[in-house]
Amino acid sequence: MIKLIRLISGEEVVAAVKEVDGGYNISDPALIVPTEKGIGLMDMMPYSSMGESETFIKESAIVFITEPVAGLLKKYKSLYSKIITPDSSLII
């Protein structure tokens, strides 16, 4: 499931999340970053192989986990989904 995670460092991460013993495994993590037009998504640690496999985050490093709003979820899926879906306005 795609979730929004607030870390104790203050970073906000959108990722595919699976709860495991002692924390969470995340995949395809993206940081939420401020932009001139609001917010954007940036690969978390783009200089690492983090996006290629699951990464474990200890429960003690997390402040809370919640559902992302619809617009953020749509943007995340458009960037990280392995399946390309047409815009719903194109479906007749």
PDB file of N, CA and C in Angstrom:
ATOM      1  N   MET A   1       0.832  -1.180   0.000  1.00  0.00           N
ATOM      2  CA  MET A   1       0.000   0.000   0.000  1.00  0.00           C
ATOM      3  C   MET A   1       0.880   1.249   0.000  1.00  0.00           C
ATOM      4  N   ILE A   2       0.439   2.253  -0.709  1.00  0.00           N
ATOM      5  CA  ILE A   2       1.174   3.517  -0.756  1.00  0.00           C
ATOM      6  C   ILE A   2       0.805   4.336   0.471  1.00  0.00           C
ATOM      7  N   LYS A   3       1.813   4.774   1.209  1.00  0.00           N
ATOM      8  CA  LYS A   3       1.596   5.533   2.443  1.00  0.00           C
ATOM      9  C   LYS A   3       2.502   6.756   2.473  1.00  0.00           C
ATOM     10  N   LEU A   4       2.137   7.699   3.313  1.00  0.00           N
ATOM     11  CA  LEU A   4       2.937   8.887   3.589  1.00  0.00           C
ATOM     12  C   LEU A   4       3.538   8.700   4.980  1.00  0.00           C
ATOM     13  N   ILE A   5       4.855   8.786   5.071  1.00  0.00           N
ATOM     14  CA  ILE A   5       5.574   8.540   6.328  1.00  0.00           C
ATOM     15  C   ILE A   5       6.286   9.814   6.754  1.00  0.00           C
ATOM     16  N   ARG A   6       6.098  10.213   8.012  1.00  0.00           N
ATOM     17  CA  ARG A   6       6.880  11.331   8.591  1.00  0.00           C
ATOM     18  C   ARG A   6       7.952  10.702   9.464  1.00  0.00           C
ATOM     19  N   LEU A   7       9.218  10.970   9.137  1.00  0.00           N
ATOM     20  CA  LEU A   7      10.343  10.453   9.902  1.00  0.00           C
ATOM     21  C   LEU A   7      10.704  11.408  11.034  1.00  0.00           C
ATOM     22  N   ILE A   8      11.394  10.910  12.043  1.00  0.00           N
ATOM     23  CA  ILE A   8      11.779  11.778  13.159  1.00  0.00           C
ATOM     24  C   ILE A   8      12.732  12.878  12.710  1.00  0.00           C
ATOM     25  N   SER A   9      13.373  12.706  11.570  1.00  0.00           N
ATOM     26  CA  SER A   9      14.271  13.725  11.011  1.00  0.00           C
ATOM     27  C   SER A   9      13.485  14.883  10.393  1.00  0.00           C
ATOM     28  N   GLY A  10      12.149  14.709  10.254  1.00  0.00           N
ATOM     29  CA  GLY A  10      11.315  15.738   9.643  1.00  0.00           C
ATOM     30  C   GLY A  10      11.018  15.474   8.179  1.00  0.00           C
ATOM     31  N   GLU A  11      11.719  14.530   7.578  1.00  0.00           N
ATOM     32  CA  GLU A  11      11.472  14.204   6.171  1.00  0.00           C
ATOM     33  C   GLU A  11      10.114  13.528   6.026  1.00  0.00           C
ATOM     34  N   GLU A  12       9.459  13.814   4.902  1.00  0.00           N
ATOM     35  CA  GLU A  12       8.203  13.161   4.576  1.00  0.00           C
ATOM     36  C   GLU A  12       8.427  12.323   3.332  1.00  0.00           C
ATOM     37  N   VAL A  13       8.078  11.043   3.424  1.00  0.00           N
ATOM     38  CA  VAL A  13       8.368  10.061   2.377  1.00  0.00           C
ATOM     39  C   VAL A  13       7.072   9.421   1.910  1.00  0.00           C
ATOM     40  N   VAL A  14       6.904   9.332   0.604  1.00  0.00           N
ATOM     41  CA  VAL A  14       5.803   8.568   0.020  1.00  0.00           C
ATOM     42  C   VAL A  14       6.428   7.297  -0.529  1.00  0.00           C
ATOM     43  N   ALA A  15       5.838   6.148  -0.193  1.00  0.00           N
ATOM     44  CA  ALA A  15       6.425   4.879  -0.623  1.00  0.00           C
ATOM     45  C   ALA A  15       5.408   3.757  -0.543  1.00  0.00           C
ATOM     46  N   ALA A  16       5.736   2.659  -1.220  1.00  0.00           N
ATOM     47  CA  ALA A  16       4.994   1.415  -1.027  1.00  0.00           C
ATOM     48  C   ALA A  16       5.498   0.836   0.293  1.00  0.00           C
ATOM     49  N   VAL A  17       4.582   0.543   1.213  1.00  0.00           N
ATOM     50  CA  VAL A  17       4.945   0.193   2.586  1.00  0.00           C
ATOM     51  C   VAL A  17       4.388  -1.177   2.969  1.00  0.00           C
ATOM     52  N   LYS A  18       5.234  -1.986   3.614  1.00  0.00           N
ATOM     53  CA  LYS A  18       4.812  -3.266   4.189  1.00  0.00           C
ATOM     54  C   LYS A  18       5.284  -3.310   5.635  1.00  0.00           C
ATOM     55  N   GLU A  19       4.358  -3.562   6.550  1.00  0.00           N
ATOM     56  CA  GLU A  19       4.730  -3.668   7.957  1.00  0.00           C
ATOM     57  C   GLU A  19       5.411  -5.008   8.208  1.00  0.00           C
ATOM     58  N   VAL A  20       6.548  -4.966   8.900  1.00  0.00           N
ATOM     59  CA  VAL A  20       7.288  -6.168   9.277  1.00  0.00           C
ATOM     60  C   VAL A  20       7.671  -6.032  10.748  1.00  0.00           C
ATOM     61  N   ASP A  21       8.207  -7.077  11.321  1.00  0.00           N
ATOM     62  CA  ASP A  21       8.592  -7.066  12.722  1.00  0.00           C
ATOM     63  C   ASP A  21       9.617  -5.966  12.998  1.00  0.00           C
ATOM     64  N   GLY A  22       9.284  -5.030  13.855  1.00  0.00           N
ATOM     65  CA  GLY A  22      10.211  -3.974  14.264  1.00  0.00           C
ATOM     66  C   GLY A  22      10.226  -2.734  13.394  1.00  0.00           C
ATOM     67  N   GLY A  23       9.421  -2.727  12.320  1.00  0.00           N
ATOM     68  CA  GLY A  23       9.410  -1.548  11.468  1.00  0.00           C
ATOM     69  C   GLY A  23       8.654  -1.777  10.176  1.00  0.00           C
ATOM     70  N   TYR A  24       9.186  -1.182   9.117  1.00  0.00           N
ATOM     71  CA  TYR A  24       8.507  -1.233   7.826  1.00  0.00           C
ATOM     72  C   TYR A  24       9.520  -1.407   6.706  1.00  0.00           C
ATOM     73  N   ASN A  25       9.149  -2.203   5.714  1.00  0.00           N
ATOM     74  CA  ASN A  25       9.915  -2.275   4.477  1.00  0.00           C
ATOM     75  C   ASN A  25       9.254  -1.327   3.493  1.00  0.00           C
ATOM     76  N   ILE A  26      10.050  -0.461   2.879  1.00  0.00           N
ATOM     77  CA  ILE A  26       9.508   0.465   1.892  1.00  0.00           C
ATOM     78  C   ILE A  26      10.184   0.208   0.548  1.00  0.00           C
ATOM     79  N   SER A  27       9.458   0.485  -0.504  1.00  0.00           N
ATOM     80  CA  SER A  27      10.042   0.408  -1.844  1.00  0.00           C
ATOM     81  C   SER A  27       9.595   1.621  -2.640  1.00  0.00           C
ATOM     82  N   ASP A  28      10.389   1.989  -3.630  1.00  0.00           N
ATOM     83  CA  ASP A  28      10.154   3.181  -4.459  1.00  0.00           C
ATOM     84  C   ASP A  28       9.884   4.429  -3.608  1.00  0.00           C
ATOM     85  N   PRO A  29      10.766   4.732  -2.647  1.00  0.00           N
ATOM     86  CA  PRO A  29      10.536   5.892  -1.786  1.00  0.00           C
ATOM     87  C   PRO A  29      10.805   7.216  -2.503  1.00  0.00           C
ATOM     88  N   ALA A  30       9.946   8.192  -2.235  1.00  0.00           N
ATOM     89  CA  ALA A  30      10.114   9.540  -2.784  1.00  0.00           C
ATOM     90  C   ALA A  30       9.964  10.556  -1.658  1.00  0.00           C
ATOM     91  N   LEU A  31      10.879  11.500  -1.600  1.00  0.00           N
ATOM     92  CA  LEU A  31      10.776  12.590  -0.629  1.00  0.00           C
ATOM     93  C   LEU A  31       9.848  13.671  -1.157  1.00  0.00           C
ATOM     94  N   ILE A  32       9.085  14.268  -0.263  1.00  0.00           N
ATOM     95  CA  ILE A  32       8.277  15.428  -0.622  1.00  0.00           C
ATOM     96  C   ILE A  32       9.153  16.653  -0.421  1.00  0.00           C
ATOM     97  N   VAL A  33       9.294  17.456  -1.471  1.00  0.00           N
ATOM     98  CA  VAL A  33      10.148  18.642  -1.415  1.00  0.00           C
ATOM     99  C   VAL A  33       9.361  19.876  -1.846  1.00  0.00           C
ATOM    100  N   PRO A  34       9.666  21.032  -1.237  1.00  0.00           N
ATOM    101  CA  PRO A  34       8.980  22.262  -1.656  1.00  0.00           C
ATOM    102  C   PRO A  34       9.470  22.722  -3.021  1.00  0.00           C
ATOM    103  N   THR A  35       8.553  23.264  -3.819  1.00  0.00           N
ATOM    104  CA  THR A  35       8.892  23.832  -5.125  1.00  0.00           C
ATOM    105  C   THR A  35       8.249  25.212  -5.224  1.00  0.00           C
ATOM    106  N   GLU A  36       8.523  25.915  -6.313  1.00  0.00           N
ATOM    107  CA  GLU A  36       7.906  27.227  -6.522  1.00  0.00           C
ATOM    108  C   GLU A  36       6.390  27.126  -6.641  1.00  0.00           C
ATOM    109  N   LYS A  37       5.901  25.973  -7.124  1.00  0.00           N
ATOM    110  CA  LYS A  37       4.470  25.792  -7.348  1.00  0.00           C
ATOM    111  C   LYS A  37       3.782  24.985  -6.249  1.00  0.00           C
ATOM    112  N   GLY A  38       4.470  24.697  -5.164  1.00  0.00           N
ATOM    113  CA  GLY A  38       3.872  23.915  -4.087  1.00  0.00           C
ATOM    114  C   GLY A  38       4.828  22.842  -3.607  1.00  0.00           C
ATOM    115  N   ILE A  39       4.523  21.577  -3.929  1.00  0.00           N
ATOM    116  CA  ILE A  39       5.405  20.480  -3.542  1.00  0.00           C
ATOM    117  C   ILE A  39       5.722  19.617  -4.754  1.00  0.00           C
ATOM    118  N   GLY A  40       6.810  18.874  -4.636  1.00  0.00           N
ATOM    119  CA  GLY A  40       7.206  17.938  -5.683  1.00  0.00           C
ATOM    120  C   GLY A  40       7.737  16.672  -5.047  1.00  0.00           C
ATOM    121  N   LEU A  41       8.019  15.692  -5.865  1.00  0.00           N
ATOM    122  CA  LEU A  41       8.570  14.430  -5.389  1.00  0.00           C
ATOM    123  C   LEU A  41       9.977  14.251  -5.948  1.00  0.00           C
ATOM    124  N   MET A  42      10.868  13.753  -5.091  1.00  0.00           N
ATOM    125  CA  MET A  42      12.256  13.535  -5.469  1.00  0.00           C
ATOM    126  C   MET A  42      12.668  12.154  -4.975  1.00  0.00           C
ATOM    127  N   ASP A  43      13.415  11.416  -5.781  1.00  0.00           N
ATOM    128  CA  ASP A  43      13.909  10.111  -5.336  1.00  0.00           C
ATOM    129  C   ASP A  43      14.630  10.258  -4.007  1.00  0.00           C
ATOM    130  N   MET A  44      14.373   9.338  -3.103  1.00  0.00           N
ATOM    131  CA  MET A  44      15.074   9.334  -1.818  1.00  0.00           C
ATOM    132  C   MET A  44      16.445   8.714  -2.041  1.00  0.00           C
ATOM    133  N   MET A  45      17.485   9.410  -1.703  1.00  0.00           N
ATOM    134  CA  MET A  45      18.868   8.969  -1.884  1.00  0.00           C
ATOM    135  C   MET A  45      19.116   8.494  -3.317  1.00  0.00           C
ATOM    136  N   PRO A  46      19.012   9.402  -4.300  1.00  0.00           N
ATOM    137  CA  PRO A  46      19.149   9.018  -5.703  1.00  0.00           C
ATOM    138  C   PRO A  46      20.524   8.457  -6.064  1.00  0.00           C
ATOM    139  N   TYR A  47      21.499   8.650  -5.223  1.00  0.00           N
ATOM    140  CA  TYR A  47      22.857   8.172  -5.462  1.00  0.00           C
ATOM    141  C   TYR A  47      23.072   6.763  -4.899  1.00  0.00           C
ATOM    142  N   SER A  48      21.969   6.130  -4.444  1.00  0.00           N
ATOM    143  CA  SER A  48      22.061   4.770  -3.898  1.00  0.00           C
ATOM    144  C   SER A  48      21.174   3.826  -4.711  1.00  0.00           C
ATOM    145  N   SER A  49      21.214   2.556  -4.359  1.00  0.00           N
ATOM    146  CA  SER A  49      20.357   1.574  -5.026  1.00  0.00           C
ATOM    147  C   SER A  49      19.054   1.366  -4.262  1.00  0.00           C
ATOM    148  N   MET A  50      18.689   2.327  -3.422  1.00  0.00           N
ATOM    149  CA  MET A  50      17.504   2.200  -2.569  1.00  0.00           C
ATOM    150  C   MET A  50      16.233   1.897  -3.364  1.00  0.00           C
ATOM    151  N   GLY A  51      16.060   2.481  -4.526  1.00  0.00           N
ATOM    152  CA  GLY A  51      14.854   2.284  -5.304  1.00  0.00           C
ATOM    153  C   GLY A  51      14.759   0.931  -5.980  1.00  0.00           C
ATOM    154  N   GLU A  52      15.837   0.169  -5.981  1.00  0.00           N
ATOM    155  CA  GLU A  52      15.870  -1.118  -6.675  1.00  0.00           C
ATOM    156  C   GLU A  52      15.431  -2.290  -5.809  1.00  0.00           C
ATOM    157  N   SER A  53      15.335  -2.097  -4.495  1.00  0.00           N
ATOM    158  CA  SER A  53      14.916  -3.165  -3.594  1.00  0.00           C
ATOM    159  C   SER A  53      14.223  -2.531  -2.384  1.00  0.00           C
ATOM    160  N   GLU A  54      13.700  -3.379  -1.513  1.00  0.00           N
ATOM    161  CA  GLU A  54      13.058  -2.860  -0.307  1.00  0.00           C
ATOM    162  C   GLU A  54      14.106  -2.352   0.674  1.00  0.00           C
ATOM    163  N   THR A  55      13.714  -1.321   1.427  1.00  0.00           N
ATOM    164  CA  THR A  55      14.579  -0.749   2.443  1.00  0.00           C
ATOM    165  C   THR A  55      13.838  -0.790   3.773  1.00  0.00           C
ATOM    166  N   PHE A  56      14.519  -1.212   4.832  1.00  0.00           N
ATOM    167  CA  PHE A  56      13.908  -1.318   6.152  1.00  0.00           C
ATOM    168  C   PHE A  56      14.049  -0.004   6.909  1.00  0.00           C
ATOM    169  N   ILE A  57      12.955   0.448   7.515  1.00  0.00           N
ATOM    170  CA  ILE A  57      12.975   1.618   8.401  1.00  0.00           C
ATOM    171  C   ILE A  57      12.467   1.166   9.762  1.00  0.00           C
ATOM    172  N   LYS A  58      13.274   1.401  10.801  1.00  0.00           N
ATOM    173  CA  LYS A  58      12.882   1.014  12.158  1.00  0.00           C
ATOM    174  C   LYS A  58      11.667   1.817  12.602  1.00  0.00           C
ATOM    175  N   GLU A  59      10.828   1.178  13.374  1.00  0.00           N
ATOM    176  CA  GLU A  59       9.631   1.838  13.901  1.00  0.00           C
ATOM    177  C   GLU A  59       9.999   3.066  14.724  1.00  0.00           C
ATOM    178  N   SER A  60      11.132   3.029  15.426  1.00  0.00           N
ATOM    179  CA  SER A  60      11.553   4.157  16.266  1.00  0.00           C
ATOM    180  C   SER A  60      11.954   5.386  15.450  1.00  0.00           C
ATOM    181  N   ALA A  61      12.176   5.232  14.145  1.00  0.00           N
ATOM    182  CA  ALA A  61      12.553   6.353  13.272  1.00  0.00           C
ATOM    183  C   ALA A  61      11.340   7.037  12.665  1.00  0.00           C
ATOM    184  N   ILE A  62      10.142   6.526  12.957  1.00  0.00           N
ATOM    185  CA  ILE A  62       8.913   7.028  12.341  1.00  0.00           C
ATOM    186  C   ILE A  62       8.051   7.759  13.372  1.00  0.00           C
ATOM    187  N   VAL A  63       7.581   8.953  12.992  1.00  0.00           N
ATOM    188  CA  VAL A  63       6.667   9.704  13.850  1.00  0.00           C
ATOM    189  C   VAL A  63       5.242   9.221  13.618  1.00  0.00           C
ATOM    190  N   PHE A  64       4.838   9.156  12.337  1.00  0.00           N
ATOM    191  CA  PHE A  64       3.516   8.626  12.006  1.00  0.00           C
ATOM    192  C   PHE A  64       3.474   8.191  10.552  1.00  0.00           C
ATOM    193  N   ILE A  65       2.452   7.393  10.236  1.00  0.00           N
ATOM    194  CA  ILE A  65       2.181   6.938   8.868  1.00  0.00           C
ATOM    195  C   ILE A  65       0.719   7.226   8.588  1.00  0.00           C
ATOM    196  N   THR A  66       0.447   7.779   7.406  1.00  0.00           N
ATOM    197  CA  THR A  66      -0.925   8.126   7.043  1.00  0.00           C
ATOM    198  C   THR A  66      -1.140   7.908   5.550  1.00  0.00           C
ATOM    199  N   GLU A  67      -2.369   8.120   5.121  1.00  0.00           N
ATOM    200  CA  GLU A  67      -2.716   8.009   3.709  1.00  0.00           C
ATOM    201  C   GLU A  67      -2.384   9.327   3.002  1.00  0.00           C
ATOM    202  N   PRO A  68      -1.794   9.284   1.822  1.00  0.00           N
ATOM    203  CA  PRO A  68      -1.575  10.528   1.067  1.00  0.00           C
ATOM    204  C   PRO A  68      -2.893  11.018   0.465  1.00  0.00           C
ATOM    205  N   VAL A  69      -3.002  12.331   0.246  1.00  0.00           N
ATOM    206  CA  VAL A  69      -4.194  12.878  -0.415  1.00  0.00           C
ATOM    207  C   VAL A  69      -4.220  12.395  -1.861  1.00  0.00           C
ATOM    208  N   ALA A  70      -5.392  12.451  -2.478  1.00  0.00           N
ATOM    209  CA  ALA A  70      -5.597  11.889  -3.819  1.00  0.00           C
ATOM    210  C   ALA A  70      -4.623  12.453  -4.856  1.00  0.00           C
ATOM    211  N   GLY A  71      -4.392  13.763  -4.844  1.00  0.00           N
ATOM    212  CA  GLY A  71      -3.496  14.379  -5.830  1.00  0.00           C
ATOM    213  C   GLY A  71      -2.060  13.903  -5.689  1.00  0.00           C
ATOM    214  N   LEU A  72      -1.594  13.753  -4.459  1.00  0.00           N
ATOM    215  CA  LEU A  72      -0.233  13.275  -4.209  1.00  0.00           C
ATOM    216  C   LEU A  72      -0.111  11.806  -4.611  1.00  0.00           C
ATOM    217  N   LEU A  73      -1.119  11.027  -4.299  1.00  0.00           N
ATOM    218  CA  LEU A  73      -1.119   9.610  -4.670  1.00  0.00           C
ATOM    219  C   LEU A  73      -1.077   9.448  -6.192  1.00  0.00           C
ATOM    220  N   LYS A  74      -1.854  10.253  -6.893  1.00  0.00           N
ATOM    221  CA  LYS A  74      -1.888  10.190  -8.362  1.00  0.00           C
ATOM    222  C   LYS A  74      -0.517  10.545  -8.951  1.00  0.00           C
ATOM    223  N   LYS A  75       0.103  11.604  -8.429  1.00  0.00           N
ATOM    224  CA  LYS A  75       1.423  12.024  -8.907  1.00  0.00           C
ATOM    225  C   LYS A  75       2.466  10.937  -8.633  1.00  0.00           C
ATOM    226  N   TYR A  76       2.439  10.371  -7.430  1.00  0.00           N
ATOM    227  CA  TYR A  76       3.383   9.308  -7.078  1.00  0.00           C
ATOM    228  C   TYR A  76       3.228   8.120  -8.025  1.00  0.00           C
ATOM    229  N   LYS A  77       1.992   7.694  -8.234  1.00  0.00           N
ATOM    230  CA  LYS A  77       1.751   6.550  -9.120  1.00  0.00           C
ATOM    231  C   LYS A  77       2.198   6.841 -10.550  1.00  0.00           C
ATOM    232  N   SER A  78       2.018   8.082 -11.001  1.00  0.00           N
ATOM    233  CA  SER A  78       2.437   8.416 -12.363  1.00  0.00           C
ATOM    234  C   SER A  78       3.954   8.349 -12.516  1.00  0.00           C
ATOM    235  N   LEU A  79       4.683   8.594 -11.442  1.00  0.00           N
ATOM    236  CA  LEU A  79       6.145   8.567 -11.484  1.00  0.00           C
ATOM    237  C   LEU A  79       6.741   7.187 -11.210  1.00  0.00           C
ATOM    238  N   TYR A  80       6.090   6.399 -10.347  1.00  0.00           N
ATOM    239  CA  TYR A  80       6.694   5.159  -9.877  1.00  0.00           C
ATOM    240  C   TYR A  80       5.971   3.887 -10.292  1.00  0.00           C
ATOM    241  N   SER A  81       4.819   3.997 -10.922  1.00  0.00           N
ATOM    242  CA  SER A  81       4.083   2.804 -11.323  1.00  0.00           C
ATOM    243  C   SER A  81       4.788   2.102 -12.477  1.00  0.00           C
ATOM    244  N   LYS A  82       4.777   0.795 -12.426  1.00  0.00           N
ATOM    245  CA  LYS A  82       5.358  -0.003 -13.507  1.00  0.00           C
ATOM    246  C   LYS A  82       4.377  -0.135 -14.668  1.00  0.00           C
ATOM    247  N   ILE A  83       3.113   0.231 -14.411  1.00  0.00           N
ATOM    248  CA  ILE A  83       2.054   0.142 -15.413  1.00  0.00           C
ATOM    249  C   ILE A  83       1.641   1.546 -15.816  1.00  0.00           C
ATOM    250  N   ILE A  84       1.580   1.802 -17.104  1.00  0.00           N
ATOM    251  CA  ILE A  84       1.151   3.112 -17.594  1.00  0.00           C
ATOM    252  C   ILE A  84      -0.352   3.047 -17.850  1.00  0.00           C
ATOM    253  N   THR A  85      -1.086   3.941 -17.194  1.00  0.00           N
ATOM    254  CA  THR A  85      -2.540   3.965 -17.363  1.00  0.00           C
ATOM    255  C   THR A  85      -2.945   5.260 -18.022  1.00  0.00           C
ATOM    256  N   PRO A  86      -3.964   5.219 -18.882  1.00  0.00           N
ATOM    257  CA  PRO A  86      -4.426   6.447 -19.526  1.00  0.00           C
ATOM    258  C   PRO A  86      -5.178   7.334 -18.536  1.00  0.00           C
ATOM    259  N   ASP A  87      -5.194   8.603 -18.809  1.00  0.00           N
ATOM    260  CA  ASP A  87      -5.985   9.539 -18.036  1.00  0.00           C
ATOM    261  C   ASP A  87      -7.450   9.133 -18.174  1.00  0.00           C
ATOM    262  N   SER A  88      -8.213   9.167 -17.091  1.00  0.00           N
ATOM    263  CA  SER A  88      -9.601   8.713 -17.135  1.00  0.00           C
ATOM    264  C   SER A  88     -10.446   9.534 -18.087  1.00  0.00           C
ATOM    265  N   SER A  89     -10.036  10.766 -18.389  1.00  0.00           N
ATOM    266  CA  SER A  89     -10.807  11.588 -19.324  1.00  0.00           C
ATOM    267  C   SER A  89     -10.664  11.080 -20.756  1.00  0.00           C
ATOM    268  N   LEU A  90      -9.694  10.192 -21.017  1.00  0.00           N
ATOM    269  CA  LEU A  90      -9.507   9.647 -22.355  1.00  0.00           C
ATOM    270  C   LEU A  90     -10.366   8.413 -22.600  1.00  0.00           C
ATOM    271  N   ILE A  91     -10.939   7.855 -21.531  1.00  0.00           N
ATOM    272  CA  ILE A  91     -11.752   6.656 -21.670  1.00  0.00           C
ATOM    273  C   ILE A  91     -13.178   7.047 -22.064  1.00  0.00           C
ATOM    274  N   ILE A  92     -13.668   6.423 -23.132  1.00  0.00           N
ATOM    275  CA  ILE A  92     -15.018   6.744 -23.615  1.00  0.00           C
ATOM    276  C   ILE A  92     -15.981   5.683 -23.174  1.00  0.00           C
TER     277      ILE A  92
END
